[in-house]
Amino acid sequence: TQRIGVADSVIDVILDSAEDHTFALCRLGAITHSTNTDSRRIPLVGTHIPTPGVTDQFDFQLALPSSRDILIPGQYYLFAMNTDG
């Protein structure tokens, strides 16, 4: 669990594969409603950050949207997807 504040603009992620990945945040639904009108999927741009001398982990920086209209407060799952899904 990582808490992201208003001043944060990137998320650092470490993966065990150098494959191409796509990243997305998915907002968790509210348990008080039968229809979740607040669900959203936010695609993120990931940049691979090479670490000299390290071959078994791959660092990525994910740029967060700056608009609070897109990234509204709440809890999100972060998904990293490769070509296999």
C-alpha atoms as a PDB file:
ATOM      1  CA  THR A   1       0.000   0.000   0.000  1.00  0.00           C
ATOM      2  CA  GLN A   2       1.325   3.393  -0.966  1.00  0.00           C
ATOM      3  CA  ARG A   3      -0.378   6.631   0.006  1.00  0.00           C
ATOM      4  CA  ILE A   4      -0.286   9.212  -2.784  1.00  0.00           C
ATOM      5  CA  GLY A   5      -0.749  12.877  -1.945  1.00  0.00           C
ATOM      6  CA  VAL A   6      -1.522  15.963  -3.984  1.00  0.00           C
ATOM      7  CA  ALA A   7       2.173  16.880  -4.284  1.00  0.00           C
ATOM      8  CA  ASP A   8       3.127  13.458  -5.723  1.00  0.00           C
ATOM      9  CA  SER A   9       3.515  13.372  -9.483  1.00  0.00           C
ATOM     10  CA  VAL A  10       5.032   9.899 -10.034  1.00  0.00           C
ATOM     11  CA  ILE A  11       4.799   6.376  -8.647  1.00  0.00           C
ATOM     12  CA  ASP A  12       7.956   4.261  -8.578  1.00  0.00           C
ATOM     13  CA  VAL A  13       7.356   0.597  -9.466  1.00  0.00           C
ATOM     14  CA  ILE A  14       9.791  -2.333  -9.464  1.00  0.00           C
ATOM     15  CA  LEU A  15       9.027  -5.332 -11.703  1.00  0.00           C
ATOM     16  CA  ASP A  16      10.864  -8.604 -12.291  1.00  0.00           C
ATOM     17  CA  SER A  17      10.506  -8.458 -16.075  1.00  0.00           C
ATOM     18  CA  ALA A  18      11.948  -6.100 -18.684  1.00  0.00           C
ATOM     19  CA  GLU A  19       9.067  -6.696 -21.113  1.00  0.00           C
ATOM     20  CA  ASP A  20       6.965  -3.830 -22.365  1.00  0.00           C
ATOM     21  CA  HIS A  21       4.190  -3.077 -19.896  1.00  0.00           C
ATOM     22  CA  THR A  22       1.149  -0.871 -19.812  1.00  0.00           C
ATOM     23  CA  PHE A  23      -0.014   0.554 -16.498  1.00  0.00           C
ATOM     24  CA  ALA A  24      -3.413   1.661 -15.227  1.00  0.00           C
ATOM     25  CA  LEU A  25      -5.057   2.747 -12.009  1.00  0.00           C
ATOM     26  CA  CYS A  26      -8.564   1.366 -11.375  1.00  0.00           C
ATOM     27  CA  ARG A  27     -10.659   3.021  -8.702  1.00  0.00           C
ATOM     28  CA  LEU A  28     -12.271   0.721  -6.164  1.00  0.00           C
ATOM     29  CA  GLY A  29     -16.043   0.774  -6.004  1.00  0.00           C
ATOM     30  CA  ALA A  30     -18.215   1.979  -3.165  1.00  0.00           C
ATOM     31  CA  ILE A  31     -19.914  -0.720  -1.128  1.00  0.00           C
ATOM     32  CA  THR A  32     -22.875   1.491  -0.284  1.00  0.00           C
ATOM     33  CA  HIS A  33     -24.339   1.559  -3.794  1.00  0.00           C
ATOM     34  CA  SER A  34     -25.609  -1.166  -6.102  1.00  0.00           C
ATOM     35  CA  THR A  35     -24.467   0.795  -9.176  1.00  0.00           C
ATOM     36  CA  ASN A  36     -20.949   2.184  -9.175  1.00  0.00           C
ATOM     37  CA  THR A  37     -21.084   5.422 -11.146  1.00  0.00           C
ATOM     38  CA  ASP A  38     -17.677   6.447  -9.844  1.00  0.00           C
ATOM     39  CA  SER A  39     -15.641   3.606 -11.353  1.00  0.00           C
ATOM     40  CA  ARG A  40     -12.802   4.627 -13.605  1.00  0.00           C
ATOM     41  CA  ARG A  41      -9.697   3.290 -15.311  1.00  0.00           C
ATOM     42  CA  ILE A  42      -6.826   5.749 -15.656  1.00  0.00           C
ATOM     43  CA  PRO A  43      -4.041   4.750 -18.065  1.00  0.00           C
ATOM     44  CA  LEU A  44      -0.579   5.813 -16.889  1.00  0.00           C
ATOM     45  CA  VAL A  45       2.579   6.458 -18.883  1.00  0.00           C
ATOM     46  CA  GLY A  46       5.460   4.324 -17.621  1.00  0.00           C
ATOM     47  CA  THR A  47       9.126   5.152 -18.194  1.00  0.00           C
ATOM     48  CA  HIS A  48      11.769   2.463 -17.706  1.00  0.00           C
ATOM     49  CA  ILE A  49      14.562   3.733 -15.460  1.00  0.00           C
ATOM     50  CA  PRO A  50      17.720   1.597 -15.956  1.00  0.00           C
ATOM     51  CA  THR A  51      19.645   0.696 -12.808  1.00  0.00           C
ATOM     52  CA  PRO A  52      23.355   0.140 -13.590  1.00  0.00           C
ATOM     53  CA  GLY A  53      24.613  -3.248 -12.409  1.00  0.00           C
ATOM     54  CA  VAL A  54      21.157  -4.592 -11.481  1.00  0.00           C
ATOM     55  CA  THR A  55      19.793  -7.298 -13.780  1.00  0.00           C
ATOM     56  CA  ASP A  56      16.978  -8.934 -11.787  1.00  0.00           C
ATOM     57  CA  GLN A  57      14.695  -5.954 -11.213  1.00  0.00           C
ATOM     58  CA  PHE A  58      13.355  -3.291 -13.520  1.00  0.00           C
ATOM     59  CA  ASP A  59      12.366   0.148 -12.262  1.00  0.00           C
ATOM     60  CA  PHE A  60       9.565   2.160 -13.826  1.00  0.00           C
ATOM     61  CA  GLN A  61       8.288   5.645 -13.050  1.00  0.00           C
ATOM     62  CA  LEU A  62       4.600   6.228 -13.688  1.00  0.00           C
ATOM     63  CA  ALA A  63       3.419   9.765 -14.367  1.00  0.00           C
ATOM     64  CA  LEU A  64       0.196  10.645 -12.531  1.00  0.00           C
ATOM     65  CA  PRO A  65      -2.432  12.960 -14.031  1.00  0.00           C
ATOM     66  CA  SER A  66      -2.194  16.429 -12.539  1.00  0.00           C
ATOM     67  CA  SER A  67      -5.944  17.092 -12.693  1.00  0.00           C
ATOM     68  CA  ARG A  68      -7.981  16.274  -9.590  1.00  0.00           C
ATOM     69  CA  ASP A  69     -10.960  15.861 -11.942  1.00  0.00           C
ATOM     70  CA  ILE A  70      -9.282  12.757 -13.388  1.00  0.00           C
ATOM     71  CA  LEU A  71      -7.530  11.357 -10.317  1.00  0.00           C
ATOM     72  CA  ILE A  72     -10.182  11.942  -7.676  1.00  0.00           C
ATOM     73  CA  PRO A  73      -9.512  10.988  -4.041  1.00  0.00           C
ATOM     74  CA  GLY A  74     -10.122   7.360  -3.180  1.00  0.00           C
ATOM     75  CA  GLN A  75      -8.561   3.926  -3.237  1.00  0.00           C
ATOM     76  CA  TYR A  76      -7.131   2.489  -6.444  1.00  0.00           C
ATOM     77  CA  TYR A  77      -5.608  -0.739  -7.675  1.00  0.00           C
ATOM     78  CA  LEU A  78      -2.482  -0.411  -9.830  1.00  0.00           C
ATOM     79  CA  PHE A  79      -2.292  -2.861 -12.735  1.00  0.00           C
ATOM     80  CA  ALA A  80       0.864  -3.616 -14.727  1.00  0.00           C
ATOM     81  CA  MET A  81       0.072  -5.612 -17.867  1.00  0.00           C
ATOM     82  CA  ASN A  82       2.450  -7.227 -20.310  1.00  0.00           C
ATOM     83  CA  THR A  83       1.659  -8.705 -23.742  1.00  0.00           C
ATOM     84  CA  ASP A  84       0.255 -11.853 -22.061  1.00  0.00           C
ATOM     85  CA  GLY A  85      -2.257  -9.784 -20.140  1.00  0.00           C
END
